[in-house]
Amino acid sequence: MYTIQQGTVKFFNDTKGFGFITP
């Protein structure tokens, strides 16, 4: 459950670059 979440977070950060759900 953390692997997918981490991947999504990284994807969002790389795509959008929000950085609001990054650990």
N, C-alpha and C. Protein backbone atom coordinates (compact mmCIF):
# COMPACT_ATOMS: atom_id res chain seq x y z
N MET A 1 0.84 -1.20 0.00
CA MET A 1 0.00 0.00 0.00
C MET A 1 0.88 1.26 0.00
N TYR A 2 2.12 1.05 0.34
CA TYR A 2 3.03 2.20 0.38
C TYR A 2 3.79 2.33 -0.93
N THR A 3 3.97 1.16 -1.60
CA THR A 3 4.71 1.16 -2.86
C THR A 3 3.96 1.96 -3.92
N ILE A 4 2.66 1.67 -4.05
CA ILE A 4 1.84 2.38 -5.03
C ILE A 4 1.75 3.86 -4.66
N GLN A 5 1.57 4.11 -3.38
CA GLN A 5 1.44 5.50 -2.92
C GLN A 5 2.71 6.27 -3.23
N GLN A 6 3.85 5.66 -2.95
CA GLN A 6 5.12 6.32 -3.20
C GLN A 6 5.28 6.60 -4.69
N GLY A 7 4.88 5.63 -5.50
CA GLY A 7 4.99 5.79 -6.94
C GLY A 7 4.10 6.92 -7.43
N THR A 8 2.89 6.98 -6.87
CA THR A 8 1.96 8.04 -7.25
C THR A 8 2.51 9.40 -6.84
N VAL A 9 3.04 9.46 -5.63
CA VAL A 9 3.59 10.71 -5.12
C VAL A 9 4.74 11.17 -6.01
N LYS A 10 5.62 10.23 -6.36
CA LYS A 10 6.77 10.59 -7.20
C LYS A 10 6.29 11.02 -8.58
N PHE A 11 5.30 10.33 -9.08
CA PHE A 11 4.78 10.66 -10.40
C PHE A 11 4.17 12.06 -10.38
N PHE A 12 3.40 12.33 -9.34
CA PHE A 12 2.76 13.64 -9.22
C PHE A 12 3.82 14.73 -9.08
N ASN A 13 4.84 14.43 -8.31
CA ASN A 13 5.90 15.40 -8.10
C ASN A 13 6.67 15.65 -9.37
N ASP A 14 6.87 14.60 -10.14
CA ASP A 14 7.63 14.73 -11.38
C ASP A 14 6.77 15.36 -12.47
N THR A 15 5.49 15.06 -12.44
CA THR A 15 4.58 15.57 -13.47
C THR A 15 4.09 16.97 -13.11
N LYS A 16 3.49 17.10 -11.94
CA LYS A 16 2.94 18.38 -11.53
C LYS A 16 3.97 19.17 -10.72
N GLY A 17 4.58 18.46 -9.75
CA GLY A 17 5.56 19.14 -8.92
C GLY A 17 4.91 19.86 -7.76
N PHE A 18 3.82 19.24 -7.24
CA PHE A 18 3.12 19.87 -6.13
C PHE A 18 3.96 19.77 -4.86
N GLY A 19 4.16 18.51 -4.43
CA GLY A 19 4.95 18.31 -3.22
C GLY A 19 4.12 18.56 -1.98
N PHE A 20 2.87 18.07 -2.00
CA PHE A 20 2.00 18.27 -0.85
C PHE A 20 1.76 16.97 -0.10
N ILE A 21 2.09 15.82 -0.79
CA ILE A 21 1.90 14.53 -0.12
C ILE A 21 3.23 13.80 -0.03
N THR A 22 4.30 14.55 -0.11
CA THR A 22 5.62 13.92 -0.05
C THR A 22 6.05 13.77 1.40
N PRO A 23 6.63 12.62 1.73
CA PRO A 23 7.05 12.34 3.10
C PRO A 23 8.28 13.16 3.49
